[in-house]
Protein backbone atom coordinates (compact mmCIF):
# COMPACT_ATOMS: atom_id res chain seq x y z
CA UNK A 1 246.22 -78.97 128.00
CA UNK A 2 249.45 -79.07 127.03
CA UNK A 3 248.77 -82.53 125.25
CA UNK A 4 245.70 -80.47 123.26
CA UNK A 5 248.21 -78.19 122.03
CA UNK A 6 250.80 -80.73 121.01
CA UNK A 7 247.81 -82.54 119.03
CA UNK A 8 246.63 -79.06 117.16
CA UNK A 9 250.36 -78.61 116.22
CA UNK A 10 250.88 -81.88 115.19
CA UNK A 11 247.45 -82.14 113.02
CA UNK A 12 248.50 -78.44 111.40
CA UNK A 13 251.44 -80.25 109.59
CA UNK A 14 250.06 -81.54 106.59
CA UNK A 15 248.06 -78.57 105.98
CA UNK A 16 251.38 -76.61 106.23
CA UNK A 17 252.97 -79.36 103.95
CA UNK A 18 250.32 -78.76 101.57
CA UNK A 19 250.42 -75.10 101.48
CA UNK A 20 254.05 -75.40 100.76
CA UNK A 21 253.40 -77.65 97.73
CA UNK A 22 250.46 -75.66 96.63
CA UNK A 23 252.69 -72.24 96.91
CA UNK A 24 255.58 -73.54 94.60
CA UNK A 25 253.58 -75.30 91.89
CA UNK A 26 251.51 -71.93 91.49
CA UNK A 27 254.16 -69.56 91.59
CA UNK A 28 256.07 -71.62 88.53
CA UNK A 29 252.82 -71.65 86.75
CA UNK A 30 252.24 -67.51 86.85
CA UNK A 31 252.94 -66.21 83.31
CA UNK A 32 256.29 -64.69 82.78
CA UNK A 33 259.93 -65.68 83.39
CA UNK A 34 261.64 -64.38 86.02
CA UNK A 35 265.37 -64.63 84.74
CA UNK A 36 264.35 -62.57 81.68
CA UNK A 37 262.77 -59.65 84.36
CA UNK A 38 265.64 -59.28 86.65
CA UNK A 39 268.46 -59.56 83.63
CA UNK A 40 266.64 -56.63 82.11
CA UNK A 41 265.27 -55.12 79.14
CA UNK A 42 268.70 -55.25 77.40
CA UNK A 43 270.09 -58.30 78.08
CA UNK A 44 271.61 -61.19 75.70
CA UNK A 45 270.00 -64.49 75.67
CA UNK A 46 273.31 -65.45 77.34
CA UNK A 47 272.84 -63.01 80.38
CA UNK A 48 269.09 -64.24 80.35
CA UNK A 49 270.34 -68.42 80.51
CA UNK A 50 273.11 -67.37 83.43
CA UNK A 51 270.51 -65.38 85.24
CA UNK A 52 268.47 -68.54 85.27
CA UNK A 53 271.47 -71.01 86.04
CA UNK A 54 271.87 -68.74 88.66
CA UNK A 55 268.14 -69.14 89.92
CA UNK A 56 268.01 -72.79 89.31
CA UNK A 57 265.08 -72.27 87.57
CA UNK A 58 267.23 -74.42 84.22
CA UNK A 59 266.33 -77.61 86.42
CA UNK A 60 263.46 -79.36 86.40
CA UNK A 61 260.74 -78.85 88.37
CA UNK A 62 261.29 -82.09 90.82
CA UNK A 63 264.85 -80.79 91.55
CA UNK A 64 263.64 -77.51 92.00
CA UNK A 65 261.44 -78.93 94.87
CA UNK A 66 263.87 -80.61 96.23
CA UNK A 67 266.15 -78.00 96.61
CA UNK A 68 263.47 -75.79 98.05
CA UNK A 69 262.54 -78.48 100.49
CA UNK A 70 265.98 -78.94 101.57
CA UNK A 71 267.01 -75.21 102.00
CA UNK A 72 263.26 -75.23 104.12
CA UNK A 73 264.46 -77.60 106.38
CA UNK A 74 267.35 -75.42 107.06
CA UNK A 75 265.58 -73.02 108.16
CA UNK A 76 266.31 -71.08 105.06
CA UNK A 77 263.65 -69.07 103.23
CA UNK A 78 265.67 -68.00 100.02
CA UNK A 79 267.23 -64.65 99.29
CA UNK A 80 264.72 -62.00 97.42
CA UNK A 81 266.10 -60.87 94.33
CA UNK A 82 263.96 -57.22 94.11
CA UNK A 83 265.83 -56.02 97.70
CA UNK A 84 269.03 -58.19 97.63
CA UNK A 85 268.52 -59.18 101.23
CA UNK A 86 267.32 -62.73 102.90
CA UNK A 87 263.70 -63.98 103.18
CA UNK A 88 263.59 -64.39 106.38
CA UNK A 89 265.42 -61.40 107.03
CA UNK A 90 262.75 -58.90 105.57
CA UNK A 91 260.05 -61.14 107.06
CA UNK A 92 261.30 -60.58 110.68
CA UNK A 93 261.67 -56.57 109.81
CA UNK A 94 258.68 -56.47 108.04
CA UNK A 95 255.89 -58.47 109.94
CA UNK A 96 256.19 -56.48 113.53
CA UNK A 97 255.32 -53.31 110.90
CA UNK A 98 252.05 -55.27 109.84
CA UNK A 99 251.45 -56.73 112.99
CA UNK A 100 251.49 -53.56 115.04
CA UNK A 101 248.91 -52.11 112.37
CA UNK A 102 246.45 -55.24 111.84
CA UNK A 103 246.56 -55.39 115.70
CA UNK A 104 246.03 -51.61 116.66
CA UNK A 105 243.20 -51.47 113.97
CA UNK A 106 241.40 -54.72 115.27
CA UNK A 107 241.87 -53.43 118.89
CA UNK A 108 240.30 -49.86 118.15
CA UNK A 109 237.18 -51.13 116.12
CA UNK A 110 236.97 -54.22 118.85
CA UNK A 111 236.43 -51.36 121.48
CA UNK A 112 233.68 -49.54 119.60
CA UNK A 113 231.86 -52.54 117.77
CA UNK A 114 231.85 -54.84 121.02
CA UNK A 115 230.11 -51.83 122.47
CA UNK A 116 227.85 -50.76 119.82
CA UNK A 117 226.90 -54.43 119.51
CA UNK A 118 225.77 -55.01 123.09
CA UNK A 119 223.91 -51.38 122.86
CA UNK A 120 221.91 -52.56 119.58
CA UNK A 121 220.97 -55.78 121.07
CA UNK A 122 219.37 -54.31 124.35
CA UNK A 123 217.68 -51.25 122.79
CA UNK A 124 216.49 -53.81 120.04
CA UNK A 125 214.70 -51.80 116.97
CA UNK A 126 215.46 -48.55 118.65
CA UNK A 127 217.51 -45.47 117.16
CA UNK A 128 220.54 -47.04 118.93
CA UNK A 129 220.08 -50.15 116.81
CA UNK A 130 218.97 -48.87 113.67
CA UNK A 131 221.97 -46.27 114.28
CA UNK A 132 224.84 -48.58 114.68
CA UNK A 133 223.45 -50.40 111.22
CA UNK A 134 224.14 -47.37 109.42
CA UNK A 135 227.15 -46.40 110.66
CA UNK A 136 228.39 -50.37 110.00
CA UNK A 137 227.23 -50.81 106.61
CA UNK A 138 228.85 -47.64 105.69
CA UNK A 139 231.82 -48.16 107.02
CA UNK A 140 231.98 -52.11 105.25
CA UNK A 141 230.63 -50.40 102.21
CA UNK A 142 233.61 -48.22 101.21
CA UNK A 143 236.59 -49.61 99.85
CA UNK A 144 239.27 -49.53 102.17
CA UNK A 145 241.75 -47.75 100.22
CA UNK A 146 239.50 -45.31 99.25
CA UNK A 147 238.69 -44.65 103.20
CA UNK A 148 242.46 -44.49 103.95
CA UNK A 149 242.12 -41.80 100.88
CA UNK A 150 239.85 -39.78 102.56
CA UNK A 151 241.53 -39.62 106.09
CA UNK A 152 244.25 -38.52 104.47
CA UNK A 153 242.48 -35.71 102.61
CA UNK A 154 240.68 -34.71 105.46
CA UNK A 155 242.64 -34.74 108.15
CA UNK A 156 246.41 -34.04 106.74
CA UNK A 157 245.76 -32.21 103.61
CA UNK A 158 242.51 -29.94 104.60
CA UNK A 159 243.02 -29.75 108.51
CA UNK A 160 246.69 -30.39 109.00
CA UNK A 161 245.74 -32.74 111.89
CA UNK A 162 247.51 -35.61 110.89
CA UNK A 163 251.33 -36.01 109.97
CA UNK A 164 252.55 -36.49 106.48
CA UNK A 165 251.65 -41.01 105.57
CA UNK A 166 255.46 -41.28 105.19
CA UNK A 167 255.39 -44.56 107.00
CA UNK A 168 255.68 -45.70 110.69
CA UNK A 169 258.08 -42.83 111.72
CA UNK A 170 259.03 -39.21 110.48
CA UNK A 171 262.39 -39.69 108.55
CA UNK A 172 264.15 -36.95 110.98
CA UNK A 173 263.41 -39.39 113.70
CA UNK A 174 265.73 -42.43 114.20
CA UNK A 175 263.98 -46.02 115.05
CA UNK A 176 263.91 -47.21 118.71
CA UNK A 177 266.24 -49.84 119.65
CA UNK A 178 264.39 -53.06 118.13
CA UNK A 179 263.21 -55.51 121.06
CA UNK A 180 259.63 -56.45 119.92
CA UNK A 181 259.68 -54.96 116.47
CA UNK A 182 256.25 -52.36 117.71
CA UNK A 183 257.81 -49.61 117.67
CA UNK A 184 255.13 -48.33 120.58
CA UNK A 185 256.21 -50.81 122.52
CA UNK A 186 260.29 -50.30 121.43
CA UNK A 187 259.99 -46.67 122.46
CA UNK A 188 258.86 -46.97 125.62
CA UNK A 189 261.32 -49.32 126.19
CA UNK A 190 263.65 -47.11 125.35
CA UNK A 191 262.18 -44.80 127.19
CA UNK A 192 261.91 -42.37 124.45
CA UNK A 193 258.26 -40.43 124.69
CA UNK A 194 258.78 -38.19 121.32
CA UNK A 195 259.44 -41.53 119.22
CA UNK A 196 256.45 -43.01 120.81
CA UNK A 197 254.49 -39.74 120.05
CA UNK A 198 255.41 -39.88 116.96
CA UNK A 199 255.18 -43.54 115.94
CA UNK A 200 251.51 -42.74 117.55
CA UNK A 201 250.62 -40.24 115.13
CA UNK A 202 252.20 -42.10 112.08
CA UNK A 203 249.80 -44.67 113.06
CA UNK A 204 246.68 -43.06 113.79
CA UNK A 205 245.18 -42.86 110.21
CA UNK A 206 245.77 -46.88 109.08
CA UNK A 207 244.65 -47.74 112.67
CA UNK A 208 241.71 -45.70 112.47
CA UNK A 209 241.23 -47.05 108.06
CA UNK A 210 240.98 -50.84 109.16
CA UNK A 211 239.26 -49.93 112.52
CA UNK A 212 235.97 -48.76 110.34
CA UNK A 213 236.30 -51.69 107.71
CA UNK A 214 236.00 -54.38 110.52
CA UNK A 215 233.43 -52.64 112.42
CA UNK A 216 230.95 -54.15 111.23
CA UNK A 217 231.23 -57.91 111.19
CA UNK A 218 231.90 -57.56 114.89
CA UNK A 219 229.49 -55.35 115.65
CA UNK A 220 226.68 -57.58 113.56
CA UNK A 221 228.05 -60.39 115.43
CA UNK A 222 228.03 -59.27 118.95
CA UNK A 223 224.45 -57.89 118.01
CA UNK A 224 223.16 -61.50 116.65
CA UNK A 225 224.98 -63.23 119.51
CA UNK A 226 223.64 -61.16 122.51
CA UNK A 227 220.27 -61.00 120.78
CA UNK A 228 220.82 -65.48 121.28
CA UNK A 229 221.88 -65.09 124.72
CA UNK A 230 219.42 -62.37 125.99
CA UNK A 231 216.58 -64.96 124.98
CA UNK A 232 218.13 -68.05 126.56
CA UNK A 233 216.71 -69.88 129.60
CA UNK A 234 219.16 -68.32 131.77
CA UNK A 235 218.87 -64.91 130.89
CA UNK A 236 215.30 -65.49 131.54
CA UNK A 237 215.90 -67.06 135.00
CA UNK A 238 218.47 -64.94 136.18
CA UNK A 239 215.98 -61.89 135.47
CA UNK A 240 213.46 -64.22 137.55
CA UNK A 241 216.09 -64.27 140.62
CA UNK A 242 215.88 -60.69 141.02
CA UNK A 243 219.21 -59.81 139.68
CA UNK A 244 219.96 -56.33 138.43
CA UNK A 245 219.74 -55.70 134.55
CA UNK A 246 223.82 -54.28 134.69
CA UNK A 247 224.82 -58.31 136.21
CA UNK A 248 222.25 -60.29 133.79
CA UNK A 249 223.28 -58.10 130.24
CA UNK A 250 227.67 -58.30 131.17
CA UNK A 251 228.05 -60.84 133.81
CA UNK A 252 226.16 -63.83 131.86
CA UNK A 253 224.65 -62.60 128.51
CA UNK A 254 227.74 -60.79 127.29
CA UNK A 255 230.43 -63.63 128.70
CA UNK A 256 228.43 -66.06 126.65
CA UNK A 257 228.19 -64.16 124.00
CA UNK A 258 231.94 -63.56 123.56
CA UNK A 259 232.65 -67.40 121.85
CA UNK A 260 231.80 -66.44 118.81
CA UNK A 261 232.90 -62.68 118.85
CA UNK A 262 236.07 -64.29 119.42
CA UNK A 263 235.99 -66.46 116.75
CA UNK A 264 235.30 -63.33 114.30
CA UNK A 265 238.16 -61.81 116.08
CA UNK A 266 240.18 -64.05 114.91
CA UNK A 267 238.69 -64.07 111.16
CA UNK A 268 239.07 -61.11 110.70
CA UNK A 269 242.60 -60.55 112.10
CA UNK A 270 244.03 -63.75 109.80
CA UNK A 271 242.62 -62.04 106.81
CA UNK A 272 243.92 -58.50 107.49
CA UNK A 273 247.44 -59.44 108.35
CA UNK A 274 247.51 -60.39 104.64
CA UNK A 275 245.00 -58.44 102.90
CA UNK A 276 245.98 -55.09 104.39
CA UNK A 277 248.42 -54.42 101.64
CA UNK A 278 245.99 -51.69 100.46
CA UNK A 279 246.51 -49.53 103.41
CA UNK A 280 250.42 -50.42 103.25
CA UNK A 281 250.46 -48.87 99.97
CA UNK A 282 248.13 -45.90 101.12
CA UNK A 283 250.10 -44.88 104.03
CA UNK A 284 253.50 -46.16 102.78
CA UNK A 285 253.65 -48.40 105.65
CA UNK A 286 256.62 -51.12 104.96
CA UNK A 287 254.96 -53.94 106.01
CA UNK A 288 254.86 -57.86 104.56
CA UNK A 289 251.75 -57.18 102.71
CA UNK A 290 253.20 -54.55 100.24
CA UNK A 291 256.81 -56.35 100.27
CA UNK A 292 254.74 -59.45 99.15
CA UNK A 293 252.43 -57.65 96.44
CA UNK A 294 255.90 -56.37 95.24
CA UNK A 295 257.63 -59.76 95.15
CA UNK A 296 254.65 -61.23 93.11
CA UNK A 297 254.52 -58.19 89.98
CA UNK A 298 258.78 -59.42 89.91
CA UNK A 299 257.88 -63.05 89.77
CA UNK A 300 260.43 -63.46 92.64
CA UNK A 301 259.71 -66.58 94.34
CA UNK A 302 261.16 -66.95 97.24
CA UNK A 303 259.56 -64.41 98.92
CA UNK A 304 255.68 -65.37 98.14
CA UNK A 305 256.75 -68.48 99.11
CA UNK A 306 258.18 -67.33 102.39
CA UNK A 307 254.89 -64.78 103.25
CA UNK A 308 252.17 -67.36 102.23
CA UNK A 309 254.00 -69.95 104.34
CA UNK A 310 254.44 -67.21 107.13
CA UNK A 311 250.87 -66.70 106.93
CA UNK A 312 250.25 -70.55 107.12
CA UNK A 313 251.63 -70.44 110.58
CA UNK A 314 250.61 -67.21 111.61
CA UNK A 315 247.41 -68.66 110.97
CA UNK A 316 247.79 -71.75 113.40
CA UNK A 317 249.11 -70.13 115.85
CA UNK A 318 246.13 -67.55 115.84
CA UNK A 319 243.68 -70.81 115.67
CA UNK A 320 245.97 -72.62 118.98
CA UNK A 321 245.37 -68.73 120.52
CA UNK A 322 241.17 -68.70 119.87
CA UNK A 323 241.16 -72.29 121.15
CA UNK A 324 243.16 -71.66 124.42
CA UNK A 325 241.18 -68.59 124.78
CA UNK A 326 237.95 -70.50 124.56
CA UNK A 327 238.25 -71.87 128.21
CA UNK A 328 239.32 -68.93 129.33
CA UNK A 329 235.82 -67.79 128.77
CA UNK A 330 234.01 -70.38 129.14
CA UNK A 331 235.41 -73.08 131.12
CA UNK A 332 233.17 -75.88 130.00
CA UNK A 333 234.91 -75.55 126.25
CA UNK A 334 237.77 -77.01 128.19
CA UNK A 335 235.78 -79.89 129.80
CA UNK A 336 234.27 -81.13 126.85
CA UNK A 337 237.73 -80.91 124.87
């Protein structure tokens, strides 16, 4: 097992190196002059040139790359010019916010979509099957930012059930002592139920927004995998042996159908972590996606490069976790490897 993990990690190094090189080149191919942007509209040419030297943009591309790689080797991702803080600090601060939002939305979607897909497969072409298709299709057809705005309008503006969409916590409450960066977990560790309840309320609407969007691929994949499993020989054999319907469906069919569902979960999670910037913007969520977009608009190289590299590392670790989960769900996968 350890050898397989090390092999996967070593095999991912060329991909990470490619991500570093491509991101570095593409950022400098973007139109606009970062030095002129940060110097200001009223800056003189001399002031712009001074800012360019301070940013290291007066050097040629090869020199800039060598400098970037040497800093990266020391664990230095650079400094954000838009916030004035080190990029590594910004990522460490903002990444847990995005992870908490993405994981909560994905878990909520899985909690609804997987049972819905199982019901649709076991009641094929029934009203349950048709209703699940309508629900999932409607969810994925709506733009995710529109869904968020609609939920805010209904539950905050009209009904007054939800708190104001102003981030992770009400401004009059103090943040819990950082342990994991997840407010729900950190507030429980601190035994502060008030902060836990407040952070949970702030998390509900953005989590539902994400869950509605990702329910469709999860439910469809669960349905398709379950239909394939239910028509297999081992399920027919289990039924012929007189096993109960519950045992056949959940002990045999669902366990074998979970492998493609887990793959879909991993793909959706890796996509959402960087793509939920619209949700973060709608709900003023201080995540890593909105931070990267703001830096990209300002042509702030270091935060965007740090963001892409962080996403690449997380994607590698996520794929590794999925491979390990395969072995837990079906030990034959581990044997085959």
